[in-house]
Amino acid sequence: MSGTRIDGGVADAQRARAELYDTLSQLRGRLDYAQRIDDTVERTKHRIAAEREENPVGFAVGVVAAAAVVGVVAWGAARLIARAFR
């Protein structure tokens, strides 16, 4: 009878160890921000490339619009800085 308890205890310990490793693996995946950022950047690159292939005109319009917004923001910031030093 004690052999059955030991075997049961070993099985319980192995099951608990497996659950612990699974939990640690999930936590590692959630807390590895550098890897998550790398994965997100990679997915975004693929989405941009796919969009560029599917709709080149729309992609070009989006790029021009984004460049215009960045230009206007940079111009406004430079203007504010120039006014501050007058």
PDB file of N, CA and C in Angstrom:
ATOM      1  N   MET A   1       0.806  -1.184   0.000  1.00  0.00           N
ATOM      2  CA  MET A   1       0.000   0.000   0.000  1.00  0.00           C
ATOM      3  C   MET A   1       0.854   1.255   0.000  1.00  0.00           C
ATOM      4  N   SER A   2       1.970   1.232   0.707  1.00  0.00           N
ATOM      5  CA  SER A   2       2.816   2.421   0.724  1.00  0.00           C
ATOM      6  C   SER A   2       3.441   2.669  -0.643  1.00  0.00           C
ATOM      7  N   GLY A   3       3.659   1.616  -1.432  1.00  0.00           N
ATOM      8  CA  GLY A   3       4.186   1.774  -2.785  1.00  0.00           C
ATOM      9  C   GLY A   3       3.220   2.551  -3.659  1.00  0.00           C
ATOM     10  N   THR A   4       1.929   2.328  -3.459  1.00  0.00           N
ATOM     11  CA  THR A   4       0.915   3.042  -4.240  1.00  0.00           C
ATOM     12  C   THR A   4       0.910   4.518  -3.867  1.00  0.00           C
ATOM     13  N   ARG A   5       1.075   4.817  -2.580  1.00  0.00           N
ATOM     14  CA  ARG A   5       1.130   6.210  -2.140  1.00  0.00           C
ATOM     15  C   ARG A   5       2.332   6.922  -2.740  1.00  0.00           C
ATOM     16  N   ILE A   6       3.465   6.260  -2.736  1.00  0.00           N
ATOM     17  CA  ILE A   6       4.674   6.870  -3.286  1.00  0.00           C
ATOM     18  C   ILE A   6       4.495   7.121  -4.772  1.00  0.00           C
ATOM     19  N   ASP A   7       3.971   6.120  -5.476  1.00  0.00           N
ATOM     20  CA  ASP A   7       3.741   6.298  -6.911  1.00  0.00           C
ATOM     21  C   ASP A   7       2.749   7.430  -7.160  1.00  0.00           C
ATOM     22  N   GLY A   8       1.703   7.491  -6.327  1.00  0.00           N
ATOM     23  CA  GLY A   8       0.725   8.574  -6.454  1.00  0.00           C
ATOM     24  C   GLY A   8       1.347   9.923  -6.146  1.00  0.00           C
ATOM     25  N   GLY A   9       2.214   9.944  -5.139  1.00  0.00           N
ATOM     26  CA  GLY A   9       2.892  11.193  -4.788  1.00  0.00           C
ATOM     27  C   GLY A   9       3.834  11.647  -5.885  1.00  0.00           C
ATOM     28  N   VAL A  10       4.534  10.700  -6.490  1.00  0.00           N
ATOM     29  CA  VAL A  10       5.439  11.025  -7.596  1.00  0.00           C
ATOM     30  C   VAL A  10       4.637  11.552  -8.777  1.00  0.00           C
ATOM     31  N   ALA A  11       3.513  10.913  -9.050  1.00  0.00           N
ATOM     32  CA  ALA A  11       2.664  11.361 -10.164  1.00  0.00           C
ATOM     33  C   ALA A  11       2.131  12.764  -9.898  1.00  0.00           C
ATOM     34  N   ASP A  12       1.723  13.012  -8.632  1.00  0.00           N
ATOM     35  CA  ASP A  12       1.238  14.351  -8.279  1.00  0.00           C
ATOM     36  C   ASP A  12       2.349  15.386  -8.434  1.00  0.00           C
ATOM     37  N   ALA A  13       3.542  15.034  -7.999  1.00  0.00           N
ATOM     38  CA  ALA A  13       4.671  15.957  -8.116  1.00  0.00           C
ATOM     39  C   ALA A  13       5.001  16.229  -9.578  1.00  0.00           C
ATOM     40  N   GLN A  14       4.960  15.203 -10.402  1.00  0.00           N
ATOM     41  CA  GLN A  14       5.243  15.398 -11.829  1.00  0.00           C
ATOM     42  C   GLN A  14       4.174  16.271 -12.482  1.00  0.00           C
ATOM     43  N   ARG A  15       2.927  16.056 -12.097  1.00  0.00           N
ATOM     44  CA  ARG A  15       1.836  16.864 -12.639  1.00  0.00           C
ATOM     45  C   ARG A  15       1.994  18.328 -12.198  1.00  0.00           C
ATOM     46  N   ALA A  16       2.325  18.537 -10.914  1.00  0.00           N
ATOM     47  CA  ALA A  16       2.525  19.892 -10.400  1.00  0.00           C
ATOM     48  C   ALA A  16       3.708  20.557 -11.099  1.00  0.00           C
ATOM     49  N   ARG A  17       4.775  19.810 -11.323  1.00  0.00           N
ATOM     50  CA  ARG A  17       5.941  20.348 -12.019  1.00  0.00           C
ATOM     51  C   ARG A  17       5.571  20.759 -13.443  1.00  0.00           C
ATOM     52  N   ALA A  18       4.801  19.931 -14.120  1.00  0.00           N
ATOM     53  CA  ALA A  18       4.379  20.249 -15.492  1.00  0.00           C
ATOM     54  C   ALA A  18       3.524  21.513 -15.513  1.00  0.00           C
ATOM     55  N   GLU A  19       2.613  21.645 -14.541  1.00  0.00           N
ATOM     56  CA  GLU A  19       1.786  22.850 -14.458  1.00  0.00           C
ATOM     57  C   GLU A  19       2.647  24.078 -14.176  1.00  0.00           C
ATOM     58  N   LEU A  20       3.635  23.921 -13.287  1.00  0.00           N
ATOM     59  CA  LEU A  20       4.527  25.031 -12.966  1.00  0.00           C
ATOM     60  C   LEU A  20       5.315  25.468 -14.194  1.00  0.00           C
ATOM     61  N   TYR A  21       5.862  24.524 -14.932  1.00  0.00           N
ATOM     62  CA  TYR A  21       6.609  24.866 -16.145  1.00  0.00           C
ATOM     63  C   TYR A  21       5.714  25.540 -17.175  1.00  0.00           C
ATOM     64  N   ASP A  22       4.471  25.078 -17.283  1.00  0.00           N
ATOM     65  CA  ASP A  22       3.529  25.701 -18.212  1.00  0.00           C
ATOM     66  C   ASP A  22       3.248  27.144 -17.799  1.00  0.00           C
ATOM     67  N   THR A  23       3.019  27.357 -16.502  1.00  0.00           N
ATOM     68  CA  THR A  23       2.761  28.706 -16.000  1.00  0.00           C
ATOM     69  C   THR A  23       3.963  29.608 -16.221  1.00  0.00           C
ATOM     70  N   LEU A  24       5.157  29.113 -15.924  1.00  0.00           N
ATOM     71  CA  LEU A  24       6.366  29.909 -16.129  1.00  0.00           C
ATOM     72  C   LEU A  24       6.561  30.251 -17.601  1.00  0.00           C
ATOM     73  N   SER A  25       6.254  29.327 -18.468  1.00  0.00           N
ATOM     74  CA  SER A  25       6.369  29.576 -19.903  1.00  0.00           C
ATOM     75  C   SER A  25       5.404  30.671 -20.337  1.00  0.00           C
ATOM     76  N   GLN A  26       4.186  30.628 -19.826  1.00  0.00           N
ATOM     77  CA  GLN A  26       3.211  31.667 -20.159  1.00  0.00           C
ATOM     78  C   GLN A  26       3.657  33.022 -19.630  1.00  0.00           C
ATOM     79  N   LEU A  27       4.171  33.063 -18.411  1.00  0.00           N
ATOM     80  CA  LEU A  27       4.652  34.320 -17.836  1.00  0.00           C
ATOM     81  C   LEU A  27       5.835  34.862 -18.622  1.00  0.00           C
ATOM     82  N   ARG A  28       6.737  33.991 -19.011  1.00  0.00           N
ATOM     83  CA  ARG A  28       7.897  34.413 -19.786  1.00  0.00           C
ATOM     84  C   ARG A  28       7.436  35.054 -21.091  1.00  0.00           C
ATOM     85  N   GLY A  29       6.460  34.452 -21.736  1.00  0.00           N
ATOM     86  CA  GLY A  29       5.936  35.002 -22.983  1.00  0.00           C
ATOM     87  C   GLY A  29       5.285  36.353 -22.791  1.00  0.00           C
ATOM     88  N   ARG A  30       4.599  36.528 -21.681  1.00  0.00           N
ATOM     89  CA  ARG A  30       3.921  37.804 -21.427  1.00  0.00           C
ATOM     90  C   ARG A  30       4.879  38.889 -20.966  1.00  0.00           C
ATOM     91  N   LEU A  31       5.935  38.524 -20.279  1.00  0.00           N
ATOM     92  CA  LEU A  31       6.831  39.519 -19.699  1.00  0.00           C
ATOM     93  C   LEU A  31       8.051  39.821 -20.558  1.00  0.00           C
ATOM     94  N   ASP A  32       8.242  39.116 -21.635  1.00  0.00           N
ATOM     95  CA  ASP A  32       9.387  39.360 -22.514  1.00  0.00           C
ATOM     96  C   ASP A  32       9.018  40.468 -23.501  1.00  0.00           C
ATOM     97  N   TYR A  33       9.084  41.714 -23.004  1.00  0.00           N
ATOM     98  CA  TYR A  33       8.635  42.854 -23.801  1.00  0.00           C
ATOM     99  C   TYR A  33       9.492  43.069 -25.035  1.00  0.00           C
ATOM    100  N   ALA A  34      10.778  42.835 -24.937  1.00  0.00           N
ATOM    101  CA  ALA A  34      11.648  43.021 -26.100  1.00  0.00           C
ATOM    102  C   ALA A  34      11.221  42.088 -27.230  1.00  0.00           C
ATOM    103  N   GLN A  35      10.933  40.850 -26.902  1.00  0.00           N
ATOM    104  CA  GLN A  35      10.497  39.896 -27.927  1.00  0.00           C
ATOM    105  C   GLN A  35       9.125  40.268 -28.469  1.00  0.00           C
ATOM    106  N   ARG A  36       8.237  40.728 -27.580  1.00  0.00           N
ATOM    107  CA  ARG A  36       6.903  41.135 -28.031  1.00  0.00           C
ATOM    108  C   ARG A  36       7.000  42.323 -28.976  1.00  0.00           C
ATOM    109  N   ILE A  37       7.889  43.271 -28.674  1.00  0.00           N
ATOM    110  CA  ILE A  37       8.076  44.428 -29.553  1.00  0.00           C
ATOM    111  C   ILE A  37       8.646  43.974 -30.889  1.00  0.00           C
ATOM    112  N   ASP A  38       9.647  43.104 -30.847  1.00  0.00           N
ATOM    113  CA  ASP A  38      10.224  42.583 -32.094  1.00  0.00           C
ATOM    114  C   ASP A  38       9.165  41.878 -32.939  1.00  0.00           C
ATOM    115  N   ASP A  39       8.327  41.077 -32.290  1.00  0.00           N
ATOM    116  CA  ASP A  39       7.268  40.373 -33.019  1.00  0.00           C
ATOM    117  C   ASP A  39       6.273  41.352 -33.635  1.00  0.00           C
ATOM    118  N   THR A  40       5.917  42.392 -32.883  1.00  0.00           N
ATOM    119  CA  THR A  40       4.975  43.391 -33.389  1.00  0.00           C
ATOM    120  C   THR A  40       5.565  44.148 -34.564  1.00  0.00           C
ATOM    121  N   VAL A  41       6.837  44.514 -34.473  1.00  0.00           N
ATOM    122  CA  VAL A  41       7.495  45.221 -35.581  1.00  0.00           C
ATOM    123  C   VAL A  41       7.525  44.333 -36.818  1.00  0.00           C
ATOM    124  N   GLU A  42       7.832  43.064 -36.629  1.00  0.00           N
ATOM    125  CA  GLU A  42       7.886  42.135 -37.763  1.00  0.00           C
ATOM    126  C   GLU A  42       6.511  41.987 -38.414  1.00  0.00           C
ATOM    127  N   ARG A  43       5.471  41.845 -37.591  1.00  0.00           N
ATOM    128  CA  ARG A  43       4.111  41.743 -38.149  1.00  0.00           C
ATOM    129  C   ARG A  43       3.725  43.017 -38.888  1.00  0.00           C
ATOM    130  N   THR A  44       4.102  44.170 -38.338  1.00  0.00           N
ATOM    131  CA  THR A  44       3.774  45.442 -38.978  1.00  0.00           C
ATOM    132  C   THR A  44       4.495  45.581 -40.305  1.00  0.00           C
ATOM    133  N   LYS A  45       5.747  45.154 -40.361  1.00  0.00           N
ATOM    134  CA  LYS A  45       6.482  45.193 -41.632  1.00  0.00           C
ATOM    135  C   LYS A  45       5.770  44.368 -42.695  1.00  0.00           C
ATOM    136  N   HIS A  46       5.315  43.187 -42.302  1.00  0.00           N
ATOM    137  CA  HIS A  46       4.616  42.315 -43.254  1.00  0.00           C
ATOM    138  C   HIS A  46       3.291  42.930 -43.694  1.00  0.00           C
ATOM    139  N   ARG A  47       2.573  43.549 -42.751  1.00  0.00           N
ATOM    140  CA  ARG A  47       1.301  44.187 -43.110  1.00  0.00           C
ATOM    141  C   ARG A  47       1.522  45.351 -44.060  1.00  0.00           C
ATOM    142  N   ILE A  48       2.563  46.151 -43.819  1.00  0.00           N
ATOM    143  CA  ILE A  48       2.858  47.286 -44.700  1.00  0.00           C
ATOM    144  C   ILE A  48       3.238  46.788 -46.085  1.00  0.00           C
ATOM    145  N   ALA A  49       4.075  45.761 -46.142  1.00  0.00           N
ATOM    146  CA  ALA A  49       4.477  45.213 -47.444  1.00  0.00           C
ATOM    147  C   ALA A  49       3.269  44.658 -48.195  1.00  0.00           C
ATOM    148  N   ALA A  50       2.380  43.981 -47.490  1.00  0.00           N
ATOM    149  CA  ALA A  50       1.183  43.435 -48.135  1.00  0.00           C
ATOM    150  C   ALA A  50       0.284  44.555 -48.634  1.00  0.00           C
ATOM    151  N   GLU A  51       0.123  45.598 -47.848  1.00  0.00           N
ATOM    152  CA  GLU A  51      -0.708  46.739 -48.261  1.00  0.00           C
ATOM    153  C   GLU A  51      -0.106  47.424 -49.478  1.00  0.00           C
ATOM    154  N   ARG A  52       1.196  47.562 -49.488  1.00  0.00           N
ATOM    155  CA  ARG A  52       1.876  48.200 -50.618  1.00  0.00           C
ATOM    156  C   ARG A  52       1.658  47.398 -51.901  1.00  0.00           C
ATOM    157  N   GLU A  53       1.666  46.078 -51.797  1.00  0.00           N
ATOM    158  CA  GLU A  53       1.451  45.233 -52.975  1.00  0.00           C
ATOM    159  C   GLU A  53      -0.010  45.235 -53.419  1.00  0.00           C
ATOM    160  N   GLU A  54      -0.938  45.229 -52.462  1.00  0.00           N
ATOM    161  CA  GLU A  54      -2.361  45.165 -52.797  1.00  0.00           C
ATOM    162  C   GLU A  54      -2.893  46.484 -53.344  1.00  0.00           C
ATOM    163  N   ASN A  55      -2.446  47.597 -52.776  1.00  0.00           N
ATOM    164  CA  ASN A  55      -2.996  48.899 -53.144  1.00  0.00           C
ATOM    165  C   ASN A  55      -1.868  49.924 -53.207  1.00  0.00           C
ATOM    166  N   PRO A  56      -1.070  49.934 -54.265  1.00  0.00           N
ATOM    167  CA  PRO A  56       0.087  50.826 -54.323  1.00  0.00           C
ATOM    168  C   PRO A  56      -0.291  52.308 -54.321  1.00  0.00           C
ATOM    169  N   VAL A  57      -1.399  52.665 -54.972  1.00  0.00           N
ATOM    170  CA  VAL A  57      -1.801  54.078 -55.008  1.00  0.00           C
ATOM    171  C   VAL A  57      -2.229  54.531 -53.615  1.00  0.00           C
ATOM    172  N   GLY A  58      -3.041  53.734 -52.958  1.00  0.00           N
ATOM    173  CA  GLY A  58      -3.460  54.067 -51.597  1.00  0.00           C
ATOM    174  C   GLY A  58      -2.282  54.147 -50.648  1.00  0.00           C
ATOM    175  N   PHE A  59      -1.336  53.252 -50.830  1.00  0.00           N
ATOM    176  CA  PHE A  59      -0.137  53.270 -49.995  1.00  0.00           C
ATOM    177  C   PHE A  59       0.645  54.560 -50.215  1.00  0.00           C
ATOM    178  N   ALA A  60       0.804  54.957 -51.486  1.00  0.00           N
ATOM    179  CA  ALA A  60       1.537  56.188 -51.803  1.00  0.00           C
ATOM    180  C   ALA A  60       0.826  57.400 -51.213  1.00  0.00           C
ATOM    181  N   VAL A  61      -0.493  57.432 -51.312  1.00  0.00           N
ATOM    182  CA  VAL A  61      -1.256  58.542 -50.731  1.00  0.00           C
ATOM    183  C   VAL A  61      -1.058  58.580 -49.217  1.00  0.00           C
ATOM    184  N   GLY A  62      -1.072  57.435 -48.579  1.00  0.00           N
ATOM    185  CA  GLY A  62      -0.847  57.376 -47.135  1.00  0.00           C
ATOM    186  C   GLY A  62       0.532  57.862 -46.739  1.00  0.00           C
ATOM    187  N   VAL A  63       1.540  57.486 -47.519  1.00  0.00           N
ATOM    188  CA  VAL A  63       2.911  57.925 -47.226  1.00  0.00           C
ATOM    189  C   VAL A  63       3.022  59.434 -47.380  1.00  0.00           C
ATOM    190  N   VAL A  64       2.446  59.971 -48.452  1.00  0.00           N
ATOM    191  CA  VAL A  64       2.494  61.424 -48.673  1.00  0.00           C
ATOM    192  C   VAL A  64       1.754  62.151 -47.550  1.00  0.00           C
ATOM    193  N   ALA A  65       0.601  61.644 -47.148  1.00  0.00           N
ATOM    194  CA  ALA A  65      -0.161  62.272 -46.068  1.00  0.00           C
ATOM    195  C   ALA A  65       0.618  62.239 -44.755  1.00  0.00           C
ATOM    196  N   ALA A  66       1.237  61.111 -44.454  1.00  0.00           N
ATOM    197  CA  ALA A  66       2.026  61.009 -43.221  1.00  0.00           C
ATOM    198  C   ALA A  66       3.210  61.963 -43.256  1.00  0.00           C
ATOM    199  N   ALA A  67       3.873  62.072 -44.411  1.00  0.00           N
ATOM    200  CA  ALA A  67       5.004  62.995 -44.538  1.00  0.00           C
ATOM    201  C   ALA A  67       4.532  64.433 -44.371  1.00  0.00           C
ATOM    202  N   ALA A  68       3.364  64.759 -44.911  1.00  0.00           N
ATOM    203  CA  ALA A  68       2.833  66.116 -44.776  1.00  0.00           C
ATOM    204  C   ALA A  68       2.535  66.437 -43.313  1.00  0.00           C
ATOM    205  N   VAL A  69       1.947  65.500 -42.607  1.00  0.00           N
ATOM    206  CA  VAL A  69       1.643  65.721 -41.190  1.00  0.00           C
ATOM    207  C   VAL A  69       2.924  65.921 -40.397  1.00  0.00           C
ATOM    208  N   VAL A  70       3.919  65.089 -40.638  1.00  0.00           N
ATOM    209  CA  VAL A  70       5.198  65.228 -39.931  1.00  0.00           C
ATOM    210  C   VAL A  70       5.838  66.568 -40.268  1.00  0.00           C
ATOM    211  N   GLY A  71       5.773  66.970 -41.524  1.00  0.00           N
ATOM    212  CA  GLY A  71       6.338  68.256 -41.931  1.00  0.00           C
ATOM    213  C   GLY A  71       5.649  69.423 -41.255  1.00  0.00           C
ATOM    214  N   VAL A  72       4.331  69.388 -41.194  1.00  0.00           N
ATOM    215  CA  VAL A  72       3.585  70.476 -40.550  1.00  0.00           C
ATOM    216  C   VAL A  72       3.902  70.528 -39.059  1.00  0.00           C
ATOM    217  N   VAL A  73       3.980  69.384 -38.416  1.00  0.00           N
ATOM    218  CA  VAL A  73       4.308  69.354 -36.986  1.00  0.00           C
ATOM    219  C   VAL A  73       5.718  69.885 -36.754  1.00  0.00           C
ATOM    220  N   ALA A  74       6.677  69.477 -37.569  1.00  0.00           N
ATOM    221  CA  ALA A  74       8.059  69.960 -37.423  1.00  0.00           C
ATOM    222  C   ALA A  74       8.127  71.459 -37.672  1.00  0.00           C
ATOM    223  N   TRP A  75       7.414  71.933 -38.685  1.00  0.00           N
ATOM    224  CA  TRP A  75       7.408  73.367 -38.986  1.00  0.00           C
ATOM    225  C   TRP A  75       6.804  74.145 -37.815  1.00  0.00           C
ATOM    226  N   GLY A  76       5.699  73.649 -37.257  1.00  0.00           N
ATOM    227  CA  GLY A  76       5.071  74.320 -36.119  1.00  0.00           C
ATOM    228  C   GLY A  76       5.977  74.342 -34.900  1.00  0.00           C
ATOM    229  N   ALA A  77       6.664  73.243 -34.643  1.00  0.00           N
ATOM    230  CA  ALA A  77       7.584  73.198 -33.502  1.00  0.00           C
ATOM    231  C   ALA A  77       8.743  74.155 -33.707  1.00  0.00           C
ATOM    232  N   ALA A  78       9.288  74.198 -34.920  1.00  0.00           N
ATOM    233  CA  ALA A  78      10.393  75.122 -35.204  1.00  0.00           C
ATOM    234  C   ALA A  78       9.932  76.563 -35.063  1.00  0.00           C
ATOM    235  N   ARG A  79       8.722  76.838 -35.490  1.00  0.00           N
ATOM    236  CA  ARG A  79       8.186  78.195 -35.392  1.00  0.00           C
ATOM    237  C   ARG A  79       8.026  78.608 -33.927  1.00  0.00           C
ATOM    238  N   LEU A  80       7.511  77.698 -33.097  1.00  0.00           N
ATOM    239  CA  LEU A  80       7.369  78.001 -31.672  1.00  0.00           C
ATOM    240  C   LEU A  80       8.723  78.225 -31.008  1.00  0.00           C
ATOM    241  N   ILE A  81       9.693  77.422 -31.364  1.00  0.00           N
ATOM    242  CA  ILE A  81      11.033  77.580 -30.790  1.00  0.00           C
ATOM    243  C   ILE A  81      11.640  78.896 -31.233  1.00  0.00           C
ATOM    244  N   ALA A  82      11.464  79.246 -32.497  1.00  0.00           N
ATOM    245  CA  ALA A  82      12.005  80.513 -33.002  1.00  0.00           C
ATOM    246  C   ALA A  82      11.362  81.689 -32.287  1.00  0.00           C
ATOM    247  N   ARG A  83      10.074  81.625 -32.028  1.00  0.00           N
ATOM    248  CA  ARG A  83       9.393  82.708 -31.305  1.00  0.00           C
ATOM    249  C   ARG A  83       9.904  82.819 -29.877  1.00  0.00           C
ATOM    250  N   ALA A  84      10.233  81.692 -29.265  1.00  0.00           N
ATOM    251  CA  ALA A  84      10.701  81.709 -27.880  1.00  0.00           C
ATOM    252  C   ALA A  84      12.049  82.395 -27.749  1.00  0.00           C
ATOM    253  N   PHE A  85      12.854  82.398 -28.810  1.00  0.00           N
ATOM    254  CA  PHE A  85      14.187  82.988 -28.743  1.00  0.00           C
ATOM    255  C   PHE A  85      14.231  84.406 -29.277  1.00  0.00           C
ATOM    256  N   ARG A  86      13.118  85.001 -29.632  1.00  0.00           N
ATOM    257  CA  ARG A  86      13.119  86.392 -30.115  1.00  0.00           C
ATOM    258  C   ARG A  86      13.274  87.352 -28.992  1.00  0.00           C
TER     259      ARG A  86
END
